[in-house]
Amino acid sequence: MQYKISLPTTVSRRCIRLLFLLSLTVVGTAVFADAKEISSDKIRLLIVDGQNNHGTWPRTTAMMKKYLEQSGRFKVDIKRTRFTSNGGVLAEQYALPGFKTYATKSPQMDPDFKPDFSNYDAVLSNFGYGAAPWPEVTRANFEKYIRKGGGFVVVHAADNSFGDWDAYNKIIGVGGWGGRTPTSGPYVYFDANGQERRDTSAGPTGSHGPQHAFPIVVRDRQHPITRGMPKTWMHARDELYDYLRGPAENMQVLATAYSAKEQGGSGNHVPMLITVRYGDGRVFHTPMGHDDAAMQCAGFATALVRGAEWAATGDVTLPIPDDFPGDAATSIRTDETGED
């Protein structure tokens, strides 16, 4: 014998409605949980270093790593060449755990320097002038990584490196020294009327006068990196790179500094915050950051982390901090040395 149980119509409809709402709640919770998990994922960034004409490079690598990780947005690894140059005692002080390096009198290629760039959302170079070439396979992998959408951050003397590497010059936009010549591309600067100029004149490729503090003028205040920055802000004592030239393809100048003739400069407003698109990749380039003192500038630190976030994701969520400098005085984070 079969029994059929019937519920009142009103009860059945109420149950169905409750079950439907419950299913939406469960699904919605799962969706929002997944979204929260994705948004909270840290950006994976790799700093590459080991050979730089600036002897503070081991400390500046540590400082940049600290700035990036303190922002809460980044998980940072460091890949160093086995053969290091010009690191001195700082290379020992800031040695990478479990990684043996060998100091050489002049930069020497490390045939085993083969980072897996594909594991990272962005790469930051703290190499400098005279760095030995990377192995051919590493160069090819790096070019492919950027072309396919990887992010790249170029800091100070990283735009001195690898002057004979054509793809690298396109990736960084403009550079100095390193064998670059007028055939490398035009100078890029802003004139007194605020117009961007591309100048193919003969002359030096890379120059700077004595270190000094100087104002940064933001030329594009709508870009994600510079949005919210004051129109003008003071950068700490630093080298002011001038006469940089290069292919400058798909390159945008976000901010400049006036390179005064009294300071050994050209009298032009030269790039200080730059973006480049290379294939599907995004590049953030700043010629600032000569040493640890320059990197203590709150303006530099802010531009670095926001530029790195943009290079990795195409957007910026990190805010402008309260200690960001204005147009009257620098803002120095005196306790920042890269040490925990």
Protein backbone atom coordinates (compact mmCIF):
# COMPACT_ATOMS: atom_id res chain seq x y z
CA MET A 1 0.00 0.00 0.00
CA GLN A 2 1.31 3.44 -0.89
CA TYR A 3 0.72 6.53 1.15
CA LYS A 4 0.71 10.03 -0.27
CA ILE A 5 1.29 12.87 2.13
CA SER A 6 -0.04 16.25 1.04
CA LEU A 7 0.94 19.53 2.65
CA PRO A 8 -1.23 22.59 2.57
CA THR A 9 -0.53 24.77 -0.45
CA THR A 10 0.52 27.74 1.68
CA VAL A 11 3.05 25.64 3.59
CA SER A 12 4.51 24.21 0.41
CA ARG A 13 4.98 27.63 -1.12
CA ARG A 14 6.49 29.00 2.07
CA CYS A 15 8.93 26.09 2.26
CA ILE A 16 9.91 26.51 -1.35
CA ARG A 17 10.46 30.23 -0.84
CA LEU A 18 12.60 29.63 2.25
CA LEU A 19 14.65 26.98 0.51
CA PHE A 20 15.19 29.31 -2.45
CA LEU A 21 16.31 32.20 -0.24
CA LEU A 22 18.57 29.87 1.73
CA SER A 23 20.18 28.64 -1.48
CA LEU A 24 20.84 32.24 -2.56
CA THR A 25 22.42 32.99 0.80
CA VAL A 26 24.70 29.96 0.64
CA VAL A 27 25.75 30.63 -2.95
CA GLY A 28 26.17 34.35 -2.31
CA THR A 29 28.28 33.68 0.77
CA ALA A 30 30.51 31.36 -1.22
CA VAL A 31 30.88 33.90 -4.03
CA PHE A 32 31.74 36.76 -1.67
CA ALA A 33 34.13 34.52 0.25
CA ASP A 34 35.93 33.69 -2.98
CA ALA A 35 36.05 37.38 -3.95
CA LYS A 36 37.47 38.30 -0.56
CA GLU A 37 40.07 35.56 -0.87
CA ILE A 38 41.11 36.79 -4.31
CA SER A 39 41.27 40.45 -3.28
CA SER A 40 43.35 39.61 -0.23
CA ASP A 41 45.94 37.65 -2.22
CA LYS A 42 49.30 39.36 -2.05
CA ILE A 43 51.12 40.47 -5.16
CA ARG A 44 54.13 38.26 -5.78
CA LEU A 45 57.16 40.41 -6.56
CA LEU A 46 60.76 39.41 -7.23
CA ILE A 47 63.69 41.77 -6.64
CA VAL A 48 66.76 40.91 -8.72
CA ASP A 49 70.15 42.31 -7.73
CA GLY A 50 73.80 41.52 -7.13
CA GLN A 51 75.79 43.89 -9.35
CA ASN A 52 75.52 47.65 -9.09
CA ASN A 53 77.93 50.59 -9.19
CA HIS A 54 76.14 51.96 -6.13
CA GLY A 55 77.69 50.31 -3.08
CA THR A 56 74.53 50.62 -0.99
CA TRP A 57 72.59 48.19 -3.19
CA PRO A 58 72.28 45.43 -0.55
CA ARG A 59 70.67 47.91 1.85
CA THR A 60 68.45 49.55 -0.76
CA THR A 61 67.17 46.14 -1.82
CA ALA A 62 66.27 45.45 1.82
CA MET A 63 64.61 48.86 2.14
CA MET A 64 62.48 48.40 -0.95
CA LYS A 65 61.48 44.90 0.17
CA LYS A 66 60.43 46.34 3.52
CA TYR A 67 58.43 49.19 1.98
CA LEU A 68 56.62 46.80 -0.33
CA GLU A 69 55.78 44.24 2.33
CA GLN A 70 54.81 46.86 4.92
CA SER A 71 52.18 48.12 2.48
CA GLY A 72 50.33 44.85 3.00
CA ARG A 73 50.00 44.24 -0.74
CA PHE A 74 53.18 42.34 -1.54
CA LYS A 75 55.04 39.13 -0.87
CA VAL A 76 58.63 39.79 -1.92
CA ASP A 77 61.44 37.39 -2.80
CA ILE A 78 65.01 38.28 -3.76
CA LYS A 79 67.09 36.57 -6.44
CA ARG A 80 70.77 37.51 -6.37
CA THR A 81 73.61 36.71 -8.73
CA ARG A 82 76.13 34.24 -7.35
CA PHE A 83 78.92 36.63 -8.32
CA THR A 84 78.37 40.02 -6.70
CA SER A 85 79.99 43.36 -7.40
CA ASN A 86 80.52 46.44 -5.23
CA GLY A 87 78.54 45.14 -2.27
CA GLY A 88 81.30 45.37 0.34
CA VAL A 89 80.37 44.71 3.95
CA LEU A 90 76.73 45.47 3.21
CA ALA A 91 76.55 42.36 1.03
CA GLU A 92 77.52 40.39 4.13
CA GLN A 93 75.18 42.33 6.41
CA TYR A 94 72.23 41.80 4.08
CA ALA A 95 73.18 38.32 2.86
CA LEU A 96 70.38 36.04 1.72
CA PRO A 97 69.94 33.08 4.09
CA GLY A 98 71.42 29.87 2.72
CA PHE A 99 72.80 31.49 -0.44
CA LYS A 100 76.56 31.75 -0.87
CA THR A 101 77.87 34.62 -2.99
CA TYR A 102 81.34 35.47 -4.23
CA ALA A 103 82.53 39.06 -4.53
CA THR A 104 84.45 39.80 -7.72
CA LYS A 105 86.62 42.80 -8.59
CA SER A 106 84.54 43.47 -11.68
CA PRO A 107 81.06 42.26 -12.62
CA GLN A 108 81.05 38.68 -13.86
CA MET A 109 78.23 36.80 -15.56
CA ASP A 110 76.51 34.23 -13.38
CA PRO A 111 75.59 31.36 -15.73
CA ASP A 112 73.18 30.01 -13.10
CA PHE A 113 71.20 33.24 -12.73
CA LYS A 114 67.92 31.91 -14.09
CA PRO A 115 64.95 33.22 -12.08
CA ASP A 116 61.57 31.70 -12.86
CA PHE A 117 59.87 34.99 -13.66
CA SER A 118 56.57 33.22 -14.32
CA ASN A 119 56.12 32.69 -10.57
CA TYR A 120 55.73 36.45 -10.04
CA ASP A 121 53.33 39.24 -10.87
CA ALA A 122 56.17 41.75 -11.14
CA VAL A 123 59.96 41.96 -11.11
CA LEU A 124 62.01 44.87 -9.68
CA SER A 125 65.57 45.47 -10.84
CA ASN A 126 68.18 46.82 -8.44
CA PHE A 127 71.02 46.17 -10.86
CA GLY A 128 73.17 49.10 -11.95
CA TYR A 129 75.81 50.45 -14.28
CA GLY A 130 78.25 47.85 -15.59
CA ALA A 131 76.26 44.81 -14.48
CA ALA A 132 77.34 41.71 -16.38
CA PRO A 133 74.91 40.42 -19.02
CA TRP A 134 72.35 37.87 -17.95
CA PRO A 135 72.56 34.43 -19.57
CA GLU A 136 70.91 34.31 -22.99
CA VAL A 137 68.13 32.02 -21.79
CA THR A 138 67.38 34.40 -18.92
CA ARG A 139 67.17 37.38 -21.25
CA ALA A 140 64.81 35.48 -23.55
CA ASN A 141 62.62 34.37 -20.65
CA PHE A 142 62.51 37.91 -19.27
CA GLU A 143 61.49 39.42 -22.60
CA LYS A 144 58.73 36.82 -22.98
CA TYR A 145 57.58 37.38 -19.40
CA ILE A 146 57.12 41.13 -19.91
CA ARG A 147 55.65 40.76 -23.39
CA LYS A 148 53.04 38.31 -22.06
CA GLY A 149 51.88 40.65 -19.30
CA GLY A 150 54.44 40.58 -16.49
CA GLY A 151 55.16 43.76 -14.54
CA PHE A 152 58.58 45.40 -14.24
CA VAL A 153 59.90 48.09 -11.89
CA VAL A 154 63.05 50.02 -12.85
CA VAL A 155 64.81 51.90 -10.04
CA HIS A 156 67.61 54.45 -10.51
CA ALA A 157 70.74 52.80 -11.96
CA ALA A 158 68.74 49.87 -13.34
CA ASP A 159 68.34 52.21 -16.31
CA ASN A 160 72.14 52.20 -16.68
CA SER A 161 72.27 48.43 -17.15
CA PHE A 162 72.44 46.41 -20.37
CA GLY A 163 72.83 49.25 -22.88
CA ASP A 164 73.40 46.81 -25.75
CA TRP A 165 70.23 44.79 -25.05
CA ASP A 166 67.69 46.16 -27.53
CA ALA A 167 64.59 44.70 -25.92
CA TYR A 168 65.64 45.93 -22.48
CA ASN A 169 66.00 49.47 -23.83
CA LYS A 170 62.46 49.27 -25.21
CA ILE A 171 61.19 47.90 -21.92
CA ILE A 172 62.65 50.72 -19.80
CA GLY A 173 61.86 53.49 -22.30
CA VAL A 174 64.91 55.66 -21.66
CA GLY A 175 68.27 55.02 -20.03
CA GLY A 176 71.72 56.44 -19.50
CA TRP A 177 75.37 55.46 -19.75
CA GLY A 178 76.04 51.75 -20.44
CA GLY A 179 77.24 52.38 -23.98
CA ARG A 180 74.09 54.22 -25.03
CA THR A 181 74.56 56.84 -27.75
CA PRO A 182 72.41 59.25 -29.78
CA THR A 183 71.44 56.27 -31.94
CA SER A 184 69.70 54.77 -28.90
CA GLY A 185 66.82 57.22 -29.28
CA PRO A 186 65.74 60.75 -28.36
CA TYR A 187 66.00 62.70 -25.15
CA VAL A 188 62.56 63.07 -23.56
CA TYR A 189 61.76 66.14 -21.46
CA PHE A 190 59.23 68.91 -20.88
CA ASP A 191 60.01 72.44 -21.96
CA ALA A 192 59.28 75.68 -20.09
CA ASN A 193 55.79 75.77 -21.62
CA GLY A 194 54.91 72.34 -20.26
CA GLN A 195 55.14 70.63 -23.64
CA GLU A 196 56.76 67.21 -23.96
CA ARG A 197 59.71 67.20 -26.32
CA ARG A 198 61.56 64.37 -28.03
CA ASP A 199 64.96 65.66 -28.97
CA THR A 200 67.32 63.75 -31.29
CA SER A 201 70.24 66.11 -30.68
CA ALA A 202 73.74 64.75 -30.22
CA GLY A 203 75.15 64.88 -26.72
CA PRO A 204 75.75 62.81 -23.60
CA THR A 205 73.55 59.89 -22.65
CA GLY A 206 73.20 60.08 -18.90
CA SER A 207 74.33 62.83 -16.57
CA HIS A 208 73.76 64.21 -13.09
CA GLY A 209 75.10 67.06 -11.00
CA PRO A 210 75.71 67.15 -7.24
CA GLN A 211 73.08 65.55 -5.06
CA HIS A 212 70.38 67.90 -3.78
CA ALA A 213 66.72 67.99 -2.81
CA PHE A 214 64.42 68.97 -5.66
CA PRO A 215 60.70 69.40 -6.37
CA ILE A 216 58.74 66.83 -8.36
CA VAL A 217 56.02 68.18 -10.65
CA VAL A 218 53.21 65.74 -11.41
CA ARG A 219 52.26 66.02 -15.09
CA ASP A 220 49.40 63.52 -15.08
CA ARG A 221 47.34 63.59 -11.89
CA GLN A 222 44.73 61.17 -13.24
CA HIS A 223 47.00 58.17 -13.65
CA PRO A 224 46.47 55.52 -10.93
CA ILE A 225 50.06 55.92 -9.69
CA THR A 226 49.93 59.69 -9.21
CA ARG A 227 46.23 60.15 -8.45
CA GLY A 228 45.95 61.96 -5.12
CA MET A 229 49.52 63.28 -5.11
CA PRO A 230 49.93 67.05 -4.79
CA LYS A 231 50.80 68.87 -7.99
CA THR A 232 54.30 69.56 -6.62
CA TRP A 233 56.18 67.73 -3.88
CA MET A 234 59.71 67.83 -2.54
CA HIS A 235 61.98 64.86 -3.03
CA ALA A 236 64.89 64.27 -0.65
CA ARG A 237 68.55 64.75 -1.52
CA ASP A 238 69.26 62.54 -4.52
CA GLU A 239 70.99 62.35 -7.86
CA LEU A 240 68.87 64.05 -10.51
CA TYR A 241 69.34 62.00 -13.66
CA ASP A 242 69.40 64.04 -16.85
CA TYR A 243 70.06 63.41 -20.56
CA LEU A 244 68.39 59.99 -20.51
CA ARG A 245 67.49 58.78 -23.98
CA GLY A 246 66.06 55.68 -25.58
CA PRO A 247 63.35 54.27 -27.85
CA ALA A 248 60.66 55.86 -25.62
CA GLU A 249 58.00 53.74 -27.34
CA ASN A 250 54.61 53.49 -25.62
CA MET A 251 56.08 55.63 -22.84
CA GLN A 252 54.27 58.15 -20.65
CA VAL A 253 55.94 60.68 -18.36
CA LEU A 254 53.90 61.05 -15.17
CA ALA A 255 56.18 63.48 -13.30
CA THR A 256 59.29 65.55 -13.90
CA ALA A 257 61.99 67.52 -12.07
CA TYR A 258 63.71 70.68 -13.23
CA SER A 259 67.37 69.98 -13.98
CA ALA A 260 68.88 73.40 -13.29
CA LYS A 261 71.96 74.50 -15.18
CA GLU A 262 73.32 75.78 -11.86
CA GLN A 263 73.30 72.15 -10.70
CA GLY A 264 75.04 70.90 -13.83
CA GLY A 265 71.80 70.10 -15.62
CA SER A 266 70.27 70.74 -19.02
CA GLY A 267 67.76 73.37 -18.00
CA ASN A 268 64.92 71.01 -18.93
CA HIS A 269 62.18 69.33 -16.93
CA VAL A 270 63.25 65.69 -17.04
CA PRO A 271 61.31 62.47 -16.33
CA MET A 272 61.16 61.19 -12.75
CA LEU A 273 58.09 58.92 -12.87
CA ILE A 274 57.59 56.98 -16.10
CA THR A 275 55.38 54.19 -17.39
CA VAL A 276 55.99 52.01 -20.44
CA ARG A 277 53.86 49.39 -22.15
CA TYR A 278 55.79 46.53 -23.73
CA GLY A 279 53.51 44.00 -25.35
CA ASP A 280 50.97 43.20 -22.66
CA GLY A 281 53.42 44.12 -19.89
CA ARG A 282 53.42 47.22 -17.72
CA VAL A 283 56.62 48.96 -16.63
CA PHE A 284 57.11 51.56 -13.89
CA HIS A 285 60.43 53.42 -14.08
CA THR A 286 61.85 55.96 -11.65
CA PRO A 287 65.37 57.41 -11.98
CA MET A 288 65.18 58.39 -8.29
CA GLY A 289 66.69 56.32 -5.47
CA HIS A 290 70.48 56.76 -5.60
CA ASP A 291 71.06 55.45 -2.07
CA ASP A 292 69.41 54.63 1.23
CA ALA A 293 69.17 58.32 2.20
CA ALA A 294 67.25 59.14 -0.99
CA MET A 295 64.97 56.15 -0.43
CA GLN A 296 64.03 57.43 3.03
CA CYS A 297 61.92 60.04 1.25
CA ALA A 298 58.25 59.31 1.91
CA GLY A 299 57.50 60.48 -1.62
CA PHE A 300 59.90 57.96 -3.14
CA ALA A 301 58.58 55.14 -0.96
CA THR A 302 54.99 55.95 -1.91
CA ALA A 303 55.74 56.20 -5.62
CA LEU A 304 57.61 52.89 -5.43
CA VAL A 305 54.83 50.84 -3.87
CA ARG A 306 52.09 52.43 -5.97
CA GLY A 307 54.16 52.06 -9.14
CA ALA A 308 54.87 48.42 -8.34
CA GLU A 309 51.19 47.74 -7.66
CA TRP A 310 50.25 49.29 -11.01
CA ALA A 311 52.95 47.34 -12.86
CA ALA A 312 51.65 44.10 -11.36
CA THR A 313 47.89 44.70 -11.61
CA GLY A 314 47.14 47.73 -13.77
CA ASP A 315 45.47 49.47 -10.84
CA VAL A 316 46.43 51.13 -7.55
CA THR A 317 44.62 50.59 -4.25
CA LEU A 318 47.34 51.84 -1.89
CA PRO A 319 46.56 55.29 -0.44
CA ILE A 320 48.68 58.42 -0.29
CA PRO A 321 50.05 58.37 3.29
CA ASP A 322 49.81 61.20 5.80
CA ASP A 323 53.57 61.78 5.70
CA PHE A 324 53.64 62.37 1.94
CA PRO A 325 55.67 65.54 1.27
CA GLY A 326 54.21 68.83 0.11
CA ASP A 327 55.79 71.55 -1.97
CA ALA A 328 57.63 73.28 0.87
CA ALA A 329 59.67 70.59 2.60
CA THR A 330 60.87 67.02 2.28
CA SER A 331 59.44 64.22 4.41
CA ILE A 332 62.06 61.74 5.62
CA ARG A 333 61.45 58.35 7.21
CA THR A 334 64.59 58.41 9.30
CA ASP A 335 63.96 55.02 10.91
CA GLU A 336 63.90 53.17 7.59
CA THR A 337 67.14 51.31 6.92
CA GLY A 338 65.81 48.01 5.60
CA GLU A 339 66.50 46.27 8.90
CA ASP A 340 63.74 44.51 10.78
